[in-house]
């Protein structure tokens, strides 16, 4: 077995670190590129929402007894919104018809 000098050991260590960091940088770039590619393809597959006609005001729909009116949902399914409202009412210890939810929005991307 050959003896390695301190200088040669330092060079070998630096080459090893450089190899590892180069690999990590390549993985990071690959992840960013693939993420942008999949986000672009996901945006293409989502159907655009139909245009809303704002010429005539919509008639107010009658609300159920005990309700507080319309609830706006942003990127949340009605089933998920119902579960969120039920959980909030349960944690607060109040009946759901005594709470007023104005909107529910998903905040995670």
C-alpha atoms as a PDB file:
ATOM      1  CA  UNK A   1       0.000   0.000   0.000  1.00  0.00           C
ATOM      2  CA  UNK A   2       1.253   3.400  -0.951  1.00  0.00           C
ATOM      3  CA  UNK A   3       1.582   6.211   1.545  1.00  0.00           C
ATOM      4  CA  UNK A   4      -0.266   9.401   0.662  1.00  0.00           C
ATOM      5  CA  UNK A   5       1.180  12.747   1.623  1.00  0.00           C
ATOM      6  CA  UNK A   6      -0.887  15.380   3.404  1.00  0.00           C
ATOM      7  CA  UNK A   7      -1.158  17.465   0.219  1.00  0.00           C
ATOM      8  CA  UNK A   8      -2.356  14.496  -1.832  1.00  0.00           C
ATOM      9  CA  UNK A   9      -4.901  13.625   0.848  1.00  0.00           C
ATOM     10  CA  UNK A  10      -6.228  17.164   0.809  1.00  0.00           C
ATOM     11  CA  UNK A  11      -6.560  17.114  -2.979  1.00  0.00           C
ATOM     12  CA  UNK A  12      -8.365  13.763  -2.858  1.00  0.00           C
ATOM     13  CA  UNK A  13     -10.744  15.089  -0.197  1.00  0.00           C
ATOM     14  CA  UNK A  14     -11.485  18.217  -2.223  1.00  0.00           C
ATOM     15  CA  UNK A  15     -12.128  16.122  -5.345  1.00  0.00           C
ATOM     16  CA  UNK A  16     -14.503  13.915  -3.363  1.00  0.00           C
ATOM     17  CA  UNK A  17     -16.396  16.925  -1.986  1.00  0.00           C
ATOM     18  CA  UNK A  18     -16.550  18.485  -5.457  1.00  0.00           C
ATOM     19  CA  UNK A  19     -17.974  15.251  -6.897  1.00  0.00           C
ATOM     20  CA  UNK A  20     -20.671  15.038  -4.231  1.00  0.00           C
ATOM     21  CA  UNK A  21     -21.676  18.695  -4.608  1.00  0.00           C
ATOM     22  CA  UNK A  22     -21.713  18.426  -8.404  1.00  0.00           C
ATOM     23  CA  UNK A  23     -24.056  15.434  -8.106  1.00  0.00           C
ATOM     24  CA  UNK A  24     -26.323  17.321  -5.698  1.00  0.00           C
ATOM     25  CA  UNK A  25     -26.447  20.342  -7.987  1.00  0.00           C
ATOM     26  CA  UNK A  26     -27.360  18.132 -10.954  1.00  0.00           C
ATOM     27  CA  UNK A  27     -30.139  16.485  -8.926  1.00  0.00           C
ATOM     28  CA  UNK A  28     -31.441  19.902  -7.886  1.00  0.00           C
ATOM     29  CA  UNK A  29     -31.477  21.163 -11.486  1.00  0.00           C
ATOM     30  CA  UNK A  30     -33.180  17.977 -12.674  1.00  0.00           C
ATOM     31  CA  UNK A  31     -35.842  18.343  -9.979  1.00  0.00           C
ATOM     32  CA  UNK A  32     -36.495  21.988 -10.874  1.00  0.00           C
ATOM     33  CA  UNK A  33     -36.740  21.224 -14.600  1.00  0.00           C
ATOM     34  CA  UNK A  34     -39.084  18.264 -14.080  1.00  0.00           C
ATOM     35  CA  UNK A  35     -41.209  20.288 -11.654  1.00  0.00           C
ATOM     36  CA  UNK A  36     -41.653  23.081 -14.195  1.00  0.00           C
ATOM     37  CA  UNK A  37     -42.430  20.550 -16.926  1.00  0.00           C
ATOM     38  CA  UNK A  38     -45.122  18.808 -14.881  1.00  0.00           C
ATOM     39  CA  UNK A  39     -46.634  22.098 -13.703  1.00  0.00           C
ATOM     40  CA  UNK A  40     -46.862  23.258 -17.330  1.00  0.00           C
ATOM     41  CA  UNK A  41     -48.542  20.023 -18.427  1.00  0.00           C
ATOM     42  CA  UNK A  42     -50.927  20.152 -15.461  1.00  0.00           C
ATOM     43  CA  UNK A  43     -52.015  23.684 -16.406  1.00  0.00           C
ATOM     44  CA  UNK A  44     -52.727  22.547 -19.969  1.00  0.00           C
ATOM     45  CA  UNK A  45     -54.987  19.696 -18.835  1.00  0.00           C
ATOM     46  CA  UNK A  46     -57.159  21.859 -16.552  1.00  0.00           C
ATOM     47  CA  UNK A  47     -60.270  22.978 -18.417  1.00  0.00           C
ATOM     48  CA  UNK A  48     -60.940  26.714 -18.302  1.00  0.00           C
ATOM     49  CA  UNK A  49     -63.930  27.802 -16.255  1.00  0.00           C
ATOM     50  CA  UNK A  50     -66.947  28.888 -18.269  1.00  0.00           C
ATOM     51  CA  UNK A  51     -67.335  32.640 -18.686  1.00  0.00           C
ATOM     52  CA  UNK A  52     -69.736  34.235 -16.245  1.00  0.00           C
ATOM     53  CA  UNK A  53     -72.474  36.467 -17.579  1.00  0.00           C
ATOM     54  CA  UNK A  54     -72.613  39.631 -15.522  1.00  0.00           C
ATOM     55  CA  UNK A  55     -75.245  41.450 -17.588  1.00  0.00           C
ATOM     56  CA  UNK A  56     -78.210  40.359 -15.497  1.00  0.00           C
ATOM     57  CA  UNK A  57     -77.891  40.123 -11.713  1.00  0.00           C
ATOM     58  CA  UNK A  58     -78.609  36.648 -10.401  1.00  0.00           C
ATOM     59  CA  UNK A  59     -81.657  36.234  -8.220  1.00  0.00           C
ATOM     60  CA  UNK A  60     -80.852  35.542  -4.591  1.00  0.00           C
ATOM     61  CA  UNK A  61     -81.565  31.903  -3.820  1.00  0.00           C
ATOM     62  CA  UNK A  62     -83.521  31.351  -0.629  1.00  0.00           C
ATOM     63  CA  UNK A  63     -81.344  30.064   2.196  1.00  0.00           C
ATOM     64  CA  UNK A  64     -82.156  27.184   4.479  1.00  0.00           C
ATOM     65  CA  UNK A  65     -83.327  27.981   8.016  1.00  0.00           C
ATOM     66  CA  UNK A  66     -80.339  28.551  10.276  1.00  0.00           C
ATOM     67  CA  UNK A  67     -77.876  29.083   7.430  1.00  0.00           C
ATOM     68  CA  UNK A  68     -75.832  32.238   6.933  1.00  0.00           C
ATOM     69  CA  UNK A  69     -76.006  32.503   3.147  1.00  0.00           C
ATOM     70  CA  UNK A  70     -73.554  31.640   0.406  1.00  0.00           C
ATOM     71  CA  UNK A  71     -70.173  30.050   1.043  1.00  0.00           C
ATOM     72  CA  UNK A  72     -67.354  30.698  -1.430  1.00  0.00           C
ATOM     73  CA  UNK A  73     -65.047  27.745  -2.102  1.00  0.00           C
ATOM     74  CA  UNK A  74     -61.603  28.287  -3.612  1.00  0.00           C
ATOM     75  CA  UNK A  75     -59.981  25.077  -4.946  1.00  0.00           C
ATOM     76  CA  UNK A  76     -61.855  22.996  -2.357  1.00  0.00           C
ATOM     77  CA  UNK A  77     -64.399  20.272  -3.041  1.00  0.00           C
ATOM     78  CA  UNK A  78     -67.779  20.674  -1.302  1.00  0.00           C
ATOM     79  CA  UNK A  79     -67.234  17.389   0.569  1.00  0.00           C
ATOM     80  CA  UNK A  80     -63.918  18.642   1.956  1.00  0.00           C
ATOM     81  CA  UNK A  81     -65.480  21.993   2.913  1.00  0.00           C
ATOM     82  CA  UNK A  82     -68.277  20.188   4.775  1.00  0.00           C
ATOM     83  CA  UNK A  83     -65.717  18.150   6.711  1.00  0.00           C
ATOM     84  CA  UNK A  84     -63.728  21.273   7.612  1.00  0.00           C
ATOM     85  CA  UNK A  85     -66.870  23.045   8.843  1.00  0.00           C
ATOM     86  CA  UNK A  86     -67.917  20.005  10.890  1.00  0.00           C
ATOM     87  CA  UNK A  87     -64.461  19.741  12.484  1.00  0.00           C
ATOM     88  CA  UNK A  88     -64.405  23.459  13.353  1.00  0.00           C
ATOM     89  CA  UNK A  89     -67.893  23.258  14.883  1.00  0.00           C
ATOM     90  CA  UNK A  90     -66.912  20.187  16.897  1.00  0.00           C
ATOM     91  CA  UNK A  91     -63.672  21.743  18.191  1.00  0.00           C
ATOM     92  CA  UNK A  92     -65.512  24.938  19.170  1.00  0.00           C
ATOM     93  CA  UNK A  93     -68.318  22.975  20.824  1.00  0.00           C
ATOM     94  CA  UNK A  94     -71.012  24.898  18.943  1.00  0.00           C
ATOM     95  CA  UNK A  95     -73.745  23.778  16.565  1.00  0.00           C
ATOM     96  CA  UNK A  96     -72.746  24.303  12.946  1.00  0.00           C
ATOM     97  CA  UNK A  97     -75.796  26.523  12.277  1.00  0.00           C
ATOM     98  CA  UNK A  98     -74.493  29.057  14.831  1.00  0.00           C
ATOM     99  CA  UNK A  99     -71.224  29.525  12.935  1.00  0.00           C
ATOM    100  CA  UNK A 100     -70.783  31.642   9.822  1.00  0.00           C
ATOM    101  CA  UNK A 101     -68.303  30.536   7.176  1.00  0.00           C
ATOM    102  CA  UNK A 102     -67.675  33.129   4.472  1.00  0.00           C
ATOM    103  CA  UNK A 103     -65.142  31.233   2.371  1.00  0.00           C
ATOM    104  CA  UNK A 104     -62.865  28.225   2.474  1.00  0.00           C
ATOM    105  CA  UNK A 105     -59.590  28.290   0.576  1.00  0.00           C
ATOM    106  CA  UNK A 106     -56.868  25.675   0.254  1.00  0.00           C
ATOM    107  CA  UNK A 107     -53.558  27.305   1.185  1.00  0.00           C
ATOM    108  CA  UNK A 108     -51.109  24.476   0.402  1.00  0.00           C
ATOM    109  CA  UNK A 109     -49.714  24.295  -3.143  1.00  0.00           C
END
